[in-house]
Amino acid sequence: EVQESGDKISANCALSEYLAANMLSGNAKIDLSRFPESADQEYLADAWMEAVYQNPLILGAKSASIAKNGKLLLVEYDTDTETMHKKQEAIRNEVESVIGEIITDDMSDVDKEFAINEYLCASAEYDMDALANAEENDFVTVDEEFSDSFTPYGILINKKGVCASYAGSL
């Protein structure tokens, strides 16, 4: 919910969190009627980007469009909801497994960061083919075979990804 104060930052966070929760569930139609501030398309775009970039388990959100006079956001995904949920579960399981292997109670936060970084660098490789494909498409889209290389699924499960995959895995 938007806070009573009407504070724009609080409202943006609320909208961003609402969008994230819906996209994590794979909802293709998101009701915006509780968020009158979403009528500002720039504001809505900022909330969309915040939701996507701060929630690496949002997988395959390709695009969004506005319908019903700004009261509905239509999200297009590059995968079906069942596949998305399976991939999210695989990521969660892998993270739990890796943390159990490399993190100990006596580690400082910095030690944990180094251990995670070291694990990712040692266990996965940079996907040069995915990068080349993104370059061919002017970084607007990638061919379906390279989609995972831009998400945590690429690095954690396929053991291959680009910078976005590494970043989302941290």
C-alpha atoms as a PDB file:
ATOM      1  CA  GLU A   1       0.000   0.000   0.000  1.00  0.00           C
ATOM      2  CA  VAL A   2       1.043   3.576  -0.623  1.00  0.00           C
ATOM      3  CA  GLN A   3       1.870   5.293   2.640  1.00  0.00           C
ATOM      4  CA  GLU A   4      -0.559   7.938   3.876  1.00  0.00           C
ATOM      5  CA  SER A   5       2.113  10.637   3.708  1.00  0.00           C
ATOM      6  CA  GLY A   6       2.011  10.497  -0.069  1.00  0.00           C
ATOM      7  CA  ASP A   7       5.792  10.484  -0.059  1.00  0.00           C
ATOM      8  CA  LYS A   8       6.850   9.816  -3.655  1.00  0.00           C
ATOM      9  CA  ILE A   9       9.748   7.552  -2.639  1.00  0.00           C
ATOM     10  CA  SER A  10       7.509   5.474  -0.402  1.00  0.00           C
ATOM     11  CA  ALA A  11       4.867   5.267  -3.112  1.00  0.00           C
ATOM     12  CA  ASN A  12       7.440   4.238  -5.728  1.00  0.00           C
ATOM     13  CA  CYS A  13       8.759   1.520  -3.401  1.00  0.00           C
ATOM     14  CA  ALA A  14       5.228   0.287  -2.777  1.00  0.00           C
ATOM     15  CA  LEU A  15       4.477   0.197  -6.509  1.00  0.00           C
ATOM     16  CA  SER A  16       7.805  -1.441  -7.287  1.00  0.00           C
ATOM     17  CA  GLU A  17       7.260  -4.083  -4.587  1.00  0.00           C
ATOM     18  CA  TYR A  18       3.727  -4.714  -5.862  1.00  0.00           C
ATOM     19  CA  LEU A  19       4.972  -5.142  -9.444  1.00  0.00           C
ATOM     20  CA  ALA A  20       7.780  -7.429  -8.255  1.00  0.00           C
ATOM     21  CA  ALA A  21       5.410  -9.664  -6.289  1.00  0.00           C
ATOM     22  CA  ASN A  22       3.181 -10.009  -9.335  1.00  0.00           C
ATOM     23  CA  MET A  23       6.042 -10.707 -11.740  1.00  0.00           C
ATOM     24  CA  LEU A  24       7.623 -13.233  -9.367  1.00  0.00           C
ATOM     25  CA  SER A  25       4.315 -15.079  -9.597  1.00  0.00           C
ATOM     26  CA  GLY A  26       4.327 -14.789 -13.391  1.00  0.00           C
ATOM     27  CA  ASN A  27       1.181 -12.667 -13.568  1.00  0.00           C
ATOM     28  CA  ALA A  28       0.607 -11.383 -17.090  1.00  0.00           C
ATOM     29  CA  LYS A  29      -2.072  -8.890 -16.033  1.00  0.00           C
ATOM     30  CA  ILE A  30      -1.310  -6.584 -13.120  1.00  0.00           C
ATOM     31  CA  ASP A  31      -4.091  -4.381 -11.754  1.00  0.00           C
ATOM     32  CA  LEU A  32      -2.779  -0.847 -11.181  1.00  0.00           C
ATOM     33  CA  SER A  33      -6.036   0.691  -9.954  1.00  0.00           C
ATOM     34  CA  ARG A  34      -4.743   0.999  -6.351  1.00  0.00           C
ATOM     35  CA  PHE A  35      -1.778   3.048  -7.589  1.00  0.00           C
ATOM     36  CA  PRO A  36      -3.009   6.319  -9.151  1.00  0.00           C
ATOM     37  CA  GLU A  37       0.614   7.469  -9.475  1.00  0.00           C
ATOM     38  CA  SER A  38       1.117   4.742 -12.099  1.00  0.00           C
ATOM     39  CA  ALA A  39      -0.759   6.993 -14.552  1.00  0.00           C
ATOM     40  CA  ASP A  40       2.581   8.796 -14.932  1.00  0.00           C
ATOM     41  CA  GLN A  41       4.240   6.538 -17.514  1.00  0.00           C
ATOM     42  CA  GLU A  42       7.764   7.632 -16.587  1.00  0.00           C
ATOM     43  CA  TYR A  43       7.049   6.886 -12.944  1.00  0.00           C
ATOM     44  CA  LEU A  44       5.584   3.498 -13.856  1.00  0.00           C
ATOM     45  CA  ALA A  45       8.595   2.700 -16.052  1.00  0.00           C
ATOM     46  CA  ASP A  46      10.942   3.551 -13.161  1.00  0.00           C
ATOM     47  CA  ALA A  47       8.978   1.284 -10.797  1.00  0.00           C
ATOM     48  CA  TRP A  48       9.010  -1.505 -13.424  1.00  0.00           C
ATOM     49  CA  MET A  49      12.794  -1.248 -13.866  1.00  0.00           C
ATOM     50  CA  GLU A  50      13.353  -1.165 -10.103  1.00  0.00           C
ATOM     51  CA  ALA A  51      11.220  -4.276  -9.669  1.00  0.00           C
ATOM     52  CA  VAL A  52      12.997  -6.201 -12.423  1.00  0.00           C
ATOM     53  CA  TYR A  53      16.559  -5.220 -11.537  1.00  0.00           C
ATOM     54  CA  GLN A  54      16.210  -5.660  -7.774  1.00  0.00           C
ATOM     55  CA  ASN A  55      14.537  -9.067  -7.990  1.00  0.00           C
ATOM     56  CA  PRO A  56      16.732 -11.529  -9.865  1.00  0.00           C
ATOM     57  CA  LEU A  57      14.131 -14.287  -9.511  1.00  0.00           C
ATOM     58  CA  ILE A  58      11.874 -12.397 -11.906  1.00  0.00           C
ATOM     59  CA  LEU A  59      12.689 -14.518 -14.919  1.00  0.00           C
ATOM     60  CA  GLY A  60      11.767 -13.831 -18.512  1.00  0.00           C
ATOM     61  CA  ALA A  61       9.899 -10.526 -18.205  1.00  0.00           C
ATOM     62  CA  LYS A  62      10.314  -9.307 -21.796  1.00  0.00           C
ATOM     63  CA  SER A  63       8.097  -6.279 -21.987  1.00  0.00           C
ATOM     64  CA  ALA A  64       5.119  -4.498 -20.536  1.00  0.00           C
ATOM     65  CA  SER A  65       2.335  -2.387 -21.941  1.00  0.00           C
ATOM     66  CA  ILE A  66      -0.442  -0.314 -20.428  1.00  0.00           C
ATOM     67  CA  ALA A  67      -4.126  -1.082 -20.967  1.00  0.00           C
ATOM     68  CA  LYS A  68      -7.540   0.059 -19.675  1.00  0.00           C
ATOM     69  CA  ASN A  69      -6.541   3.738 -19.457  1.00  0.00           C
ATOM     70  CA  GLY A  70      -3.528   3.009 -17.288  1.00  0.00           C
ATOM     71  CA  LYS A  71      -5.341   0.729 -14.853  1.00  0.00           C
ATOM     72  CA  LEU A  72      -3.734  -2.492 -16.103  1.00  0.00           C
ATOM     73  CA  LEU A  73      -0.167  -3.487 -16.865  1.00  0.00           C
ATOM     74  CA  LEU A  74       0.209  -6.337 -19.355  1.00  0.00           C
ATOM     75  CA  VAL A  75       3.490  -8.196 -18.932  1.00  0.00           C
ATOM     76  CA  GLU A  76       4.924 -10.440 -21.621  1.00  0.00           C
ATOM     77  CA  TYR A  77       7.245 -13.229 -20.533  1.00  0.00           C
ATOM     78  CA  ASP A  78       9.582 -15.308 -22.671  1.00  0.00           C
ATOM     79  CA  THR A  79       8.622 -18.479 -20.807  1.00  0.00           C
ATOM     80  CA  ASP A  80       5.491 -20.000 -19.335  1.00  0.00           C
ATOM     81  CA  THR A  81       4.676 -19.655 -15.636  1.00  0.00           C
ATOM     82  CA  GLU A  82       5.294 -23.325 -14.818  1.00  0.00           C
ATOM     83  CA  THR A  83       8.800 -23.221 -16.319  1.00  0.00           C
ATOM     84  CA  MET A  84       9.511 -19.938 -14.541  1.00  0.00           C
ATOM     85  CA  HIS A  85       8.503 -21.414 -11.175  1.00  0.00           C
ATOM     86  CA  LYS A  86      10.618 -24.529 -11.768  1.00  0.00           C
ATOM     87  CA  LYS A  87      13.630 -22.359 -12.562  1.00  0.00           C
ATOM     88  CA  GLN A  88      13.014 -20.171  -9.500  1.00  0.00           C
ATOM     89  CA  GLU A  89      12.890 -23.294  -7.319  1.00  0.00           C
ATOM     90  CA  ALA A  90      16.078 -24.664  -8.892  1.00  0.00           C
ATOM     91  CA  ILE A  91      17.836 -21.361  -8.183  1.00  0.00           C
ATOM     92  CA  ARG A  92      16.643 -21.323  -4.555  1.00  0.00           C
ATOM     93  CA  ASN A  93      17.785 -24.918  -4.049  1.00  0.00           C
ATOM     94  CA  GLU A  94      21.179 -24.271  -5.607  1.00  0.00           C
ATOM     95  CA  VAL A  95      21.714 -21.137  -3.511  1.00  0.00           C
ATOM     96  CA  GLU A  96      20.866 -23.079  -0.344  1.00  0.00           C
ATOM     97  CA  SER A  97      23.235 -25.872  -1.327  1.00  0.00           C
ATOM     98  CA  VAL A  98      26.105 -23.556  -2.234  1.00  0.00           C
ATOM     99  CA  ILE A  99      25.706 -21.468   0.920  1.00  0.00           C
ATOM    100  CA  GLY A 100      25.793 -24.671   2.960  1.00  0.00           C
ATOM    101  CA  GLU A 101      29.068 -25.637   1.278  1.00  0.00           C
ATOM    102  CA  ILE A 102      30.974 -22.358   1.316  1.00  0.00           C
ATOM    103  CA  ILE A 103      29.648 -20.212   4.169  1.00  0.00           C
ATOM    104  CA  THR A 104      30.436 -20.800   7.829  1.00  0.00           C
ATOM    105  CA  ASP A 105      29.079 -19.099  10.951  1.00  0.00           C
ATOM    106  CA  ASP A 106      32.451 -17.577  11.814  1.00  0.00           C
ATOM    107  CA  MET A 107      32.772 -15.691   8.492  1.00  0.00           C
ATOM    108  CA  SER A 108      32.464 -11.928   8.362  1.00  0.00           C
ATOM    109  CA  ASP A 109      30.165 -10.387   5.755  1.00  0.00           C
ATOM    110  CA  VAL A 110      33.211  -9.506   3.651  1.00  0.00           C
ATOM    111  CA  ASP A 111      34.492 -13.094   3.901  1.00  0.00           C
ATOM    112  CA  LYS A 112      31.076 -14.324   2.766  1.00  0.00           C
ATOM    113  CA  GLU A 113      31.120 -11.953  -0.218  1.00  0.00           C
ATOM    114  CA  PHE A 114      34.573 -13.166  -1.218  1.00  0.00           C
ATOM    115  CA  ALA A 115      33.552 -16.809  -0.840  1.00  0.00           C
ATOM    116  CA  ILE A 116      30.474 -16.332  -3.025  1.00  0.00           C
ATOM    117  CA  ASN A 117      32.431 -14.429  -5.653  1.00  0.00           C
ATOM    118  CA  GLU A 118      35.162 -17.050  -5.659  1.00  0.00           C
ATOM    119  CA  TYR A 119      32.599 -19.837  -6.006  1.00  0.00           C
ATOM    120  CA  LEU A 120      30.861 -18.145  -8.951  1.00  0.00           C
ATOM    121  CA  CYS A 121      34.138 -17.455 -10.741  1.00  0.00           C
ATOM    122  CA  ALA A 122      35.408 -20.995 -10.192  1.00  0.00           C
ATOM    123  CA  SER A 123      32.219 -22.864 -11.025  1.00  0.00           C
ATOM    124  CA  ALA A 124      30.916 -21.025 -14.088  1.00  0.00           C
ATOM    125  CA  GLU A 125      32.185 -19.588 -17.335  1.00  0.00           C
ATOM    126  CA  TYR A 126      31.408 -16.402 -19.206  1.00  0.00           C
ATOM    127  CA  ASP A 127      29.000 -17.040 -22.097  1.00  0.00           C
ATOM    128  CA  MET A 128      30.691 -15.293 -25.007  1.00  0.00           C
ATOM    129  CA  ASP A 129      28.092 -16.657 -27.455  1.00  0.00           C
ATOM    130  CA  ALA A 130      25.278 -15.050 -25.457  1.00  0.00           C
ATOM    131  CA  LEU A 131      27.170 -11.747 -25.409  1.00  0.00           C
ATOM    132  CA  ALA A 132      27.720 -11.924 -29.169  1.00  0.00           C
ATOM    133  CA  ASN A 133      24.030 -12.652 -29.682  1.00  0.00           C
ATOM    134  CA  ALA A 134      23.053  -9.651 -27.552  1.00  0.00           C
ATOM    135  CA  GLU A 135      25.449  -7.474 -29.564  1.00  0.00           C
ATOM    136  CA  GLU A 136      23.882  -8.723 -32.816  1.00  0.00           C
ATOM    137  CA  ASN A 137      20.491  -7.648 -31.458  1.00  0.00           C
ATOM    138  CA  ASP A 138      21.779  -4.234 -30.266  1.00  0.00           C
ATOM    139  CA  PHE A 139      21.291  -5.406 -26.654  1.00  0.00           C
ATOM    140  CA  VAL A 140      17.511  -5.084 -27.072  1.00  0.00           C
ATOM    141  CA  THR A 141      16.761  -8.817 -27.189  1.00  0.00           C
ATOM    142  CA  VAL A 142      18.544 -12.154 -27.262  1.00  0.00           C
ATOM    143  CA  ASP A 143      17.626 -15.367 -28.997  1.00  0.00           C
ATOM    144  CA  GLU A 144      15.710 -17.772 -26.757  1.00  0.00           C
ATOM    145  CA  GLU A 145      18.636 -20.185 -26.447  1.00  0.00           C
ATOM    146  CA  PHE A 146      20.622 -17.471 -24.626  1.00  0.00           C
ATOM    147  CA  SER A 147      17.911 -16.150 -22.259  1.00  0.00           C
ATOM    148  CA  ASP A 148      19.131 -18.083 -19.223  1.00  0.00           C
ATOM    149  CA  SER A 149      22.607 -16.618 -19.620  1.00  0.00           C
ATOM    150  CA  PHE A 150      21.191 -13.257 -18.530  1.00  0.00           C
ATOM    151  CA  THR A 151      19.626 -14.571 -15.300  1.00  0.00           C
ATOM    152  CA  PRO A 152      20.947 -16.281 -12.162  1.00  0.00           C
ATOM    153  CA  TYR A 153      19.746 -19.568 -13.675  1.00  0.00           C
ATOM    154  CA  GLY A 154      22.552 -19.341 -16.220  1.00  0.00           C
ATOM    155  CA  ILE A 155      25.404 -19.096 -13.733  1.00  0.00           C
ATOM    156  CA  LEU A 156      23.949 -21.193 -10.926  1.00  0.00           C
ATOM    157  CA  ILE A 157      22.326 -24.021 -12.880  1.00  0.00           C
ATOM    158  CA  ASN A 158      23.798 -24.028 -16.406  1.00  0.00           C
ATOM    159  CA  LYS A 159      27.177 -22.811 -15.092  1.00  0.00           C
ATOM    160  CA  LYS A 160      27.362 -20.305 -17.934  1.00  0.00           C
ATOM    161  CA  GLY A 161      26.260 -16.676 -18.133  1.00  0.00           C
ATOM    162  CA  VAL A 162      27.069 -13.029 -18.807  1.00  0.00           C
ATOM    163  CA  CYS A 163      27.592 -10.141 -16.370  1.00  0.00           C
ATOM    164  CA  ALA A 164      23.876  -9.862 -15.556  1.00  0.00           C
ATOM    165  CA  SER A 165      23.814 -13.537 -14.625  1.00  0.00           C
ATOM    166  CA  TYR A 166      26.787 -13.150 -12.286  1.00  0.00           C
ATOM    167  CA  ALA A 167      25.326  -9.984 -10.737  1.00  0.00           C
ATOM    168  CA  GLY A 168      21.905 -11.547 -10.222  1.00  0.00           C
ATOM    169  CA  SER A 169      23.536 -14.529  -8.526  1.00  0.00           C
ATOM    170  CA  LEU A 170      25.214 -12.408  -5.881  1.00  0.00           C
END
